Amino acid sequence: MRDSRRARVVFGALLTAALVLITVGHRGGDSSVAGPLRQFASTVFGTAERATTTVTAPVSRFFSMLGDAPGAKDRIEGLMKENAQLKTKLAAADMNKGRAKELDRMLGLSGLGHYRVVPAQVIARRHTAGFEDSVEIDVGSRDGVRRDMTVLNGDGLVGRVLRTGPGTSTVVLLTDPGSLAGARLEGGNELGVVSGLGENGRGGNLIRLRLLDSTAPLKRGRRIVSFGSQNGTPYAPGVPIGEIERVDVTPGELTRTAYARPYADFTALDVVGVVVRAPDRDPRDSVLPEEPRKAVPGKKDQAKDKQKDQHKEKQKAQRRDQAEPRDPAGQVNEPDPAAEPRQSEGRD
């Protein structure tokens, strides 16, 4: 307390002296004898002012920030909301682009097979009583959808309509163990039945094909299409199903079993189409995707093949040279045709 009181007294005395000097200096002008004293006082008090400002400036800024904090917080929250909205719009735009592509592919496949379809979107995954793999789509009876209609997408067969409501329908997928569909091998009339395997089919990546004729040729890579039902229900003809990946050989069985990879990706179903009218004529294999073309060898490959052929010819020549006797000059020693007769005469 004593030190602080003394400091206040000293500070007051200095302040009084400064005021006196300023008054005298003002009256006396620059020629006043108090000029040096005034400069000294300015230096002392200027230093004290700068020191005080250095100490108090951060505190002043802190309290200023506290006063502006509510407004800054509101601005930050507003910017965060705008950022979230922009992200949502971008995600929706990307999703719409993806769906537009899927819709184009589905309509393209339907056009090739002359299937009349109602486009739909998968809105939920369902576990219907008696079925493991089923989905809900956003079209129903008021859209012309009926029970046992074919459902496809831009890749191939998806399933069939199990039941309908006014605005939604339940679709049983081809991968469901209780799902059965008539099938035909590409390029022939070998018929069979395709069935789902559920979780046993590697998460919907494989389906089972049983050929009715056990003697029919069946190998990996052959493609399958739907055989079709009467009036196109529950399955329209010619819809691509999948490609054989593995063949089981079981002697003595009346049927042959193979496992195929479906064209449709059942783990990522989105845009589908319900076939409300099947084609008048079976499209057969015309809807199947084009097979990948075999790579044509380029100039580099042709040059490598030429080098290999030249190397082989060189090796053949070396082996031929090693087999033929030669004289010191490098010429081939040909047998004397008169030598053998003379030897024969001598022996006689």
Protein backbone atom coordinates (compact mmCIF):
# COMPACT_ATOMS: atom_id res chain seq x y z
CA MET A 1 0.00 0.00 0.00
CA ARG A 2 2.88 2.43 0.89
CA ASP A 3 4.62 1.81 -2.44
CA SER A 4 1.47 2.34 -4.47
CA ARG A 5 0.72 5.58 -2.55
CA ARG A 6 4.26 6.84 -3.18
CA ALA A 7 3.95 5.98 -6.87
CA ARG A 8 0.73 7.92 -7.12
CA VAL A 9 2.34 10.93 -5.44
CA VAL A 10 5.34 10.83 -7.78
CA PHE A 11 3.10 10.38 -10.81
CA GLY A 12 0.94 13.35 -9.70
CA ALA A 13 4.02 15.54 -9.17
CA LEU A 14 5.39 14.70 -12.59
CA LEU A 15 2.04 15.36 -14.19
CA THR A 16 1.82 18.77 -12.48
CA ALA A 17 5.35 19.64 -13.57
CA ALA A 18 4.56 18.65 -17.12
CA LEU A 19 1.48 20.83 -17.21
CA VAL A 20 3.45 23.77 -15.83
CA LEU A 21 6.20 23.26 -18.38
CA ILE A 22 3.72 22.98 -21.23
CA THR A 23 2.07 26.26 -20.13
CA VAL A 24 5.40 28.06 -19.83
CA GLY A 25 6.62 26.65 -23.11
CA HIS A 26 3.46 27.67 -24.88
CA ARG A 27 3.81 31.21 -23.68
CA GLY A 28 7.53 31.42 -24.31
CA GLY A 29 7.61 29.72 -27.74
CA ASP A 30 10.54 27.72 -29.00
CA SER A 31 13.06 30.24 -27.57
CA SER A 32 11.90 29.69 -24.03
CA VAL A 33 14.41 28.37 -21.50
CA ALA A 34 11.88 25.68 -20.72
CA GLY A 35 12.31 24.09 -24.14
CA PRO A 36 14.82 21.46 -23.01
CA LEU A 37 12.71 20.66 -19.99
CA ARG A 38 9.65 20.28 -22.19
CA GLN A 39 11.48 17.86 -24.48
CA PHE A 40 12.62 15.86 -21.45
CA ALA A 41 9.05 15.68 -20.13
CA SER A 42 7.73 14.62 -23.54
CA THR A 43 10.30 11.86 -23.71
CA VAL A 44 9.49 10.61 -20.21
CA PHE A 45 5.72 10.69 -20.61
CA GLY A 46 5.87 9.34 -24.20
CA THR A 47 7.78 6.31 -22.98
CA ALA A 48 5.30 5.82 -20.15
CA GLU A 49 2.38 6.11 -22.59
CA ARG A 50 3.86 3.56 -24.99
CA ALA A 51 4.51 1.15 -22.14
CA THR A 52 0.95 1.56 -20.88
CA THR A 53 -0.44 1.03 -24.38
CA THR A 54 1.66 -2.12 -24.83
CA VAL A 55 0.26 -3.57 -21.62
CA THR A 56 -3.36 -2.55 -22.07
CA ALA A 57 -3.76 -3.13 -25.88
CA PRO A 58 -4.19 -6.97 -25.67
CA VAL A 59 -6.70 -6.54 -22.88
CA SER A 60 -8.64 -3.99 -24.93
CA ARG A 61 -8.64 -6.29 -27.99
CA PHE A 62 -9.80 -9.22 -25.85
CA PHE A 63 -12.79 -7.28 -24.53
CA SER A 64 -13.53 -6.03 -28.05
CA MET A 65 -13.53 -9.64 -29.29
CA LEU A 66 -15.91 -10.61 -26.50
CA GLY A 67 -18.24 -7.86 -27.62
CA ASP A 68 -18.10 -9.05 -31.27
CA ALA A 69 -18.29 -12.80 -30.41
CA PRO A 70 -22.07 -13.27 -30.80
CA GLY A 71 -22.06 -11.77 -34.29
CA ALA A 72 -19.00 -13.75 -35.36
CA LYS A 73 -20.57 -16.97 -34.11
CA ASP A 74 -23.71 -16.28 -36.12
CA ARG A 75 -21.63 -15.63 -39.24
CA ILE A 76 -19.67 -18.87 -38.75
CA GLU A 77 -22.89 -20.86 -38.28
CA GLY A 78 -24.34 -19.27 -41.40
CA LEU A 79 -21.26 -20.17 -43.45
CA MET A 80 -21.35 -23.75 -42.15
CA LYS A 81 -25.01 -24.08 -43.16
CA GLU A 82 -24.27 -22.73 -46.64
CA ASN A 83 -21.37 -25.18 -46.98
CA ALA A 84 -23.57 -28.12 -45.96
CA GLN A 85 -26.26 -27.04 -48.44
CA LEU A 86 -23.70 -26.82 -51.24
CA LYS A 87 -22.38 -30.29 -50.41
CA THR A 88 -25.92 -31.67 -50.44
CA LYS A 89 -26.63 -30.06 -53.80
CA LEU A 90 -23.41 -31.43 -55.28
CA ALA A 91 -24.12 -34.92 -53.97
CA ALA A 92 -27.67 -34.76 -55.36
CA ALA A 93 -26.35 -33.57 -58.72
CA ASP A 94 -23.85 -36.45 -58.87
CA MET A 95 -26.57 -38.91 -57.86
CA ASN A 96 -28.93 -37.55 -60.50
CA LYS A 97 -26.21 -37.89 -63.15
CA GLY A 98 -25.63 -41.50 -62.13
CA ARG A 99 -29.32 -42.27 -62.19
CA ALA A 100 -29.71 -40.60 -65.57
CA LYS A 101 -27.01 -42.88 -66.97
CA GLU A 102 -28.66 -45.96 -65.46
CA LEU A 103 -32.02 -44.89 -66.90
CA ASP A 104 -30.49 -44.45 -70.36
CA ARG A 105 -28.93 -47.91 -70.20
CA MET A 106 -32.15 -49.51 -69.00
CA LEU A 107 -34.20 -47.83 -71.74
CA GLY A 108 -31.55 -48.85 -74.28
CA LEU A 109 -31.79 -52.52 -73.28
CA SER A 110 -35.59 -52.33 -73.30
CA GLY A 111 -35.54 -50.83 -76.77
CA LEU A 112 -33.34 -53.63 -78.11
CA GLY A 113 -35.71 -56.27 -76.80
CA HIS A 114 -38.90 -54.29 -77.59
CA TYR A 115 -39.97 -54.45 -73.95
CA ARG A 116 -42.49 -51.83 -72.87
CA VAL A 117 -41.38 -50.74 -69.41
CA VAL A 118 -42.35 -48.46 -66.56
CA PRO A 119 -39.20 -46.91 -65.03
CA ALA A 120 -38.89 -47.22 -61.26
CA GLN A 121 -36.45 -46.64 -58.44
CA VAL A 122 -35.52 -49.00 -55.62
CA ILE A 123 -36.46 -47.28 -52.37
CA ALA A 124 -35.88 -50.01 -49.77
CA ARG A 125 -34.52 -53.48 -49.17
CA ARG A 126 -37.16 -55.89 -47.86
CA HIS A 127 -37.30 -59.24 -46.07
CA THR A 128 -40.63 -60.59 -47.17
CA ALA A 129 -42.12 -63.68 -45.55
CA GLY A 130 -40.89 -66.71 -47.49
CA PHE A 131 -38.22 -64.75 -49.38
CA GLU A 132 -34.74 -63.58 -48.42
CA ASP A 133 -33.92 -61.15 -51.23
CA SER A 134 -36.55 -58.60 -52.18
CA VAL A 135 -36.76 -54.85 -52.69
CA GLU A 136 -39.45 -52.15 -52.71
CA ILE A 137 -39.86 -49.94 -55.79
CA ASP A 138 -41.74 -46.65 -56.14
CA VAL A 139 -44.36 -47.68 -58.75
CA GLY A 140 -47.56 -49.63 -58.21
CA SER A 141 -50.97 -50.51 -59.56
CA ARG A 142 -51.86 -46.95 -60.55
CA ASP A 143 -48.76 -47.00 -62.79
CA GLY A 144 -49.92 -50.14 -64.58
CA VAL A 145 -47.77 -52.57 -62.58
CA ARG A 146 -49.25 -55.99 -61.86
CA ARG A 147 -48.17 -59.10 -60.02
CA ASP A 148 -45.73 -61.46 -61.82
CA MET A 149 -44.28 -58.85 -64.16
CA THR A 150 -40.60 -58.97 -65.17
CA VAL A 151 -38.20 -56.47 -63.59
CA LEU A 152 -34.91 -55.60 -65.31
CA ASN A 153 -32.25 -52.91 -65.34
CA GLY A 154 -29.58 -51.73 -67.75
CA ASP A 155 -27.56 -54.93 -67.26
CA GLY A 156 -30.17 -57.66 -67.35
CA LEU A 157 -32.78 -59.60 -65.39
CA VAL A 158 -33.46 -58.44 -61.81
CA GLY A 159 -36.53 -60.41 -60.70
CA ARG A 160 -40.32 -60.37 -60.74
CA VAL A 161 -43.09 -58.41 -59.05
CA LEU A 162 -44.42 -60.28 -56.02
CA ARG A 163 -47.20 -57.91 -55.00
CA THR A 164 -48.31 -54.37 -55.68
CA GLY A 165 -49.86 -51.45 -53.84
CA PRO A 166 -51.25 -48.21 -55.26
CA GLY A 167 -47.85 -46.50 -55.34
CA THR A 168 -45.26 -49.17 -54.49
CA SER A 169 -44.47 -52.79 -55.33
CA THR A 170 -42.40 -55.60 -53.85
CA VAL A 171 -39.92 -57.33 -56.18
CA VAL A 172 -38.40 -60.77 -55.52
CA LEU A 173 -34.83 -60.79 -56.79
CA LEU A 174 -33.37 -63.49 -59.01
CA THR A 175 -30.82 -64.28 -56.29
CA ASP A 176 -33.49 -65.39 -53.82
CA PRO A 177 -33.37 -69.17 -53.10
CA GLY A 178 -37.11 -69.40 -53.80
CA SER A 179 -36.80 -67.71 -57.19
CA LEU A 180 -36.95 -69.88 -60.34
CA ALA A 181 -36.72 -68.72 -63.96
CA GLY A 182 -36.61 -70.57 -67.27
CA ALA A 183 -33.31 -70.06 -69.09
CA ARG A 184 -31.69 -70.79 -72.43
CA LEU A 185 -28.06 -70.98 -73.49
CA GLU A 186 -26.88 -68.48 -76.08
CA GLY A 187 -26.72 -69.69 -79.64
CA GLY A 188 -28.83 -72.82 -79.16
CA ASN A 189 -31.97 -74.32 -77.68
CA GLU A 190 -30.50 -75.94 -74.57
CA LEU A 191 -33.00 -75.14 -71.82
CA GLY A 192 -32.62 -75.07 -68.09
CA VAL A 193 -33.76 -73.46 -64.86
CA VAL A 194 -31.99 -70.65 -63.03
CA SER A 195 -32.38 -70.37 -59.25
CA GLY A 196 -30.97 -68.08 -56.60
CA LEU A 197 -28.55 -69.10 -53.89
CA GLY A 198 -29.10 -66.30 -51.37
CA GLU A 199 -26.17 -65.86 -49.00
CA ASN A 200 -24.63 -69.10 -50.31
CA GLY A 201 -24.12 -67.44 -53.68
CA ARG A 202 -21.34 -65.14 -52.46
CA GLY A 203 -23.70 -62.37 -51.52
CA GLY A 204 -25.74 -62.51 -54.71
CA ASN A 205 -22.75 -62.81 -57.03
CA LEU A 206 -23.64 -66.31 -58.24
CA ILE A 207 -26.80 -68.12 -59.34
CA ARG A 208 -27.37 -71.81 -60.18
CA LEU A 209 -28.25 -73.14 -63.64
CA ARG A 210 -29.60 -76.69 -64.12
CA LEU A 211 -29.69 -77.88 -67.73
CA LEU A 212 -32.47 -80.33 -68.51
CA ASP A 213 -30.29 -82.25 -70.98
CA SER A 214 -27.30 -83.84 -69.23
CA THR A 215 -25.54 -84.40 -72.56
CA ALA A 216 -25.70 -80.76 -73.67
CA PRO A 217 -22.31 -79.06 -73.98
CA LEU A 218 -21.71 -76.76 -71.05
CA LYS A 219 -18.55 -74.79 -70.44
CA ARG A 220 -17.27 -71.69 -68.71
CA GLY A 221 -18.01 -68.43 -70.51
CA ARG A 222 -21.30 -69.43 -72.13
CA ARG A 223 -24.05 -66.82 -71.72
CA ILE A 224 -27.62 -67.25 -70.53
CA VAL A 225 -30.86 -65.46 -71.39
CA SER A 226 -34.38 -65.87 -70.05
CA PHE A 227 -36.47 -68.46 -71.92
CA GLY A 228 -39.72 -66.61 -71.27
CA SER A 229 -43.13 -67.58 -69.96
CA GLN A 230 -46.58 -67.69 -71.49
CA ASN A 231 -47.77 -64.13 -72.18
CA GLY A 232 -44.44 -62.90 -70.88
CA THR A 233 -45.27 -63.41 -67.20
CA PRO A 234 -43.54 -63.83 -64.86
CA TYR A 235 -40.53 -63.58 -67.19
CA ALA A 236 -40.23 -62.00 -70.61
CA PRO A 237 -38.03 -63.84 -73.16
CA GLY A 238 -34.52 -62.85 -74.18
CA VAL A 239 -33.54 -60.84 -71.11
CA PRO A 240 -29.79 -61.28 -70.37
CA ILE A 241 -29.20 -63.27 -67.16
CA GLY A 242 -25.50 -63.93 -66.80
CA GLU A 243 -22.37 -65.83 -67.79
CA ILE A 244 -21.32 -69.31 -66.66
CA GLU A 245 -18.37 -69.25 -64.30
CA ARG A 246 -18.13 -72.83 -63.05
CA VAL A 247 -19.47 -76.23 -64.20
CA ASP A 248 -20.09 -79.15 -61.84
CA VAL A 249 -19.45 -82.61 -63.24
CA THR A 250 -21.51 -85.26 -61.44
CA PRO A 251 -21.67 -88.61 -63.30
CA GLY A 252 -25.04 -90.34 -63.33
CA GLU A 253 -27.19 -87.22 -62.85
CA LEU A 254 -30.03 -86.53 -65.26
CA THR A 255 -29.27 -82.81 -65.27
CA ARG A 256 -26.10 -80.74 -65.48
CA THR A 257 -25.35 -78.01 -62.97
CA ALA A 258 -23.40 -74.82 -63.49
CA TYR A 259 -22.94 -71.58 -61.58
CA ALA A 260 -23.24 -68.25 -63.36
CA ARG A 261 -22.39 -64.67 -62.51
CA PRO A 262 -25.45 -62.48 -63.16
CA TYR A 263 -25.08 -59.34 -65.25
CA ALA A 264 -27.10 -57.27 -62.77
CA ASP A 265 -25.31 -56.06 -59.65
CA PHE A 266 -27.76 -57.00 -56.90
CA THR A 267 -25.73 -55.19 -54.25
CA ALA A 268 -26.28 -51.77 -55.88
CA LEU A 269 -29.76 -51.72 -57.41
CA ASP A 270 -31.21 -48.27 -58.07
CA VAL A 271 -32.98 -47.61 -61.39
CA VAL A 272 -35.03 -50.53 -62.74
CA GLY A 273 -37.84 -51.07 -65.20
CA VAL A 274 -41.02 -53.14 -64.92
CA VAL A 275 -41.98 -54.87 -68.19
CA VAL A 276 -45.67 -54.10 -68.54
CA ARG A 277 -45.77 -55.65 -72.02
CA ALA A 278 -43.50 -58.37 -73.44
CA PRO A 279 -42.39 -58.31 -77.11
CA ASP A 280 -44.52 -60.05 -79.70
CA ARG A 281 -41.49 -62.02 -80.89
CA ASP A 282 -38.68 -63.55 -78.88
CA PRO A 283 -35.58 -61.33 -79.30
CA ARG A 284 -33.41 -64.42 -78.74
CA ASP A 285 -29.79 -63.31 -78.21
CA SER A 286 -30.05 -59.79 -79.64
CA VAL A 287 -30.19 -58.11 -76.22
CA LEU A 288 -26.99 -59.70 -74.91
CA PRO A 289 -24.07 -57.29 -74.46
CA GLU A 290 -21.40 -57.27 -77.12
CA GLU A 291 -18.54 -59.63 -76.43
CA PRO A 292 -15.15 -57.95 -75.93
CA ARG A 293 -13.11 -57.90 -79.10
CA LYS A 294 -9.83 -59.79 -79.22
CA ALA A 295 -6.84 -57.52 -79.10
CA VAL A 296 -5.22 -56.96 -82.51
CA PRO A 297 -1.41 -57.25 -82.27
CA GLY A 298 0.31 -53.92 -82.78
CA LYS A 299 3.52 -53.12 -84.58
CA LYS A 300 5.61 -53.84 -81.49
CA ASP A 301 4.03 -57.27 -81.07
CA GLN A 302 4.57 -58.04 -84.76
CA ALA A 303 8.24 -57.02 -84.49
CA LYS A 304 8.69 -59.28 -81.46
CA ASP A 305 7.10 -62.20 -83.33
CA LYS A 306 9.42 -61.57 -86.28
CA GLN A 307 12.45 -61.58 -83.99
CA LYS A 308 11.31 -64.85 -82.44
CA ASP A 309 10.92 -66.46 -85.87
CA GLN A 310 14.37 -65.28 -86.94
CA HIS A 311 15.86 -66.66 -83.73
CA LYS A 312 14.21 -70.02 -84.32
CA GLU A 313 15.51 -70.16 -87.92
CA LYS A 314 19.01 -69.34 -86.68
CA GLN A 315 18.85 -72.15 -84.12
CA LYS A 316 17.68 -74.60 -86.80
CA ALA A 317 20.55 -73.59 -89.07
CA GLN A 318 23.05 -74.09 -86.25
CA ARG A 319 21.74 -77.56 -85.50
CA ARG A 320 21.86 -78.43 -89.23
CA ASP A 321 25.46 -77.23 -89.49
CA GLN A 322 26.46 -79.30 -86.49
CA ALA A 323 24.91 -82.44 -88.02
CA GLU A 324 26.58 -82.09 -91.48
CA PRO A 325 30.35 -83.00 -91.79
CA ARG A 326 32.55 -80.21 -93.15
CA ASP A 327 36.16 -79.99 -94.42
CA PRO A 328 38.74 -77.57 -92.96
CA ALA A 329 37.62 -74.92 -95.48
CA GLY A 330 34.08 -75.02 -94.10
CA GLN A 331 32.58 -76.83 -97.12
CA VAL A 332 30.14 -79.66 -96.67
CA ASN A 333 31.72 -83.07 -97.38
CA GLU A 334 29.46 -84.70 -99.94
CA PRO A 335 29.78 -88.47 -100.37
CA ASP A 336 31.45 -89.78 -103.61
CA PRO A 337 28.78 -91.59 -105.64
CA ALA A 338 31.42 -93.89 -107.22
CA ALA A 339 32.94 -94.91 -103.90
CA GLU A 340 30.30 -97.37 -102.83
CA PRO A 341 30.08 -99.27 -106.14
CA ARG A 342 33.91 -99.72 -106.16
CA GLN A 343 33.82 -101.04 -102.61
CA SER A 344 31.06 -103.42 -103.63
CA GLU A 345 33.06 -104.62 -106.63
CA GLY A 346 36.07 -105.19 -104.42
CA ARG A 347 34.05 -107.27 -102.06
CA ASP A 348 32.66 -109.29 -104.92
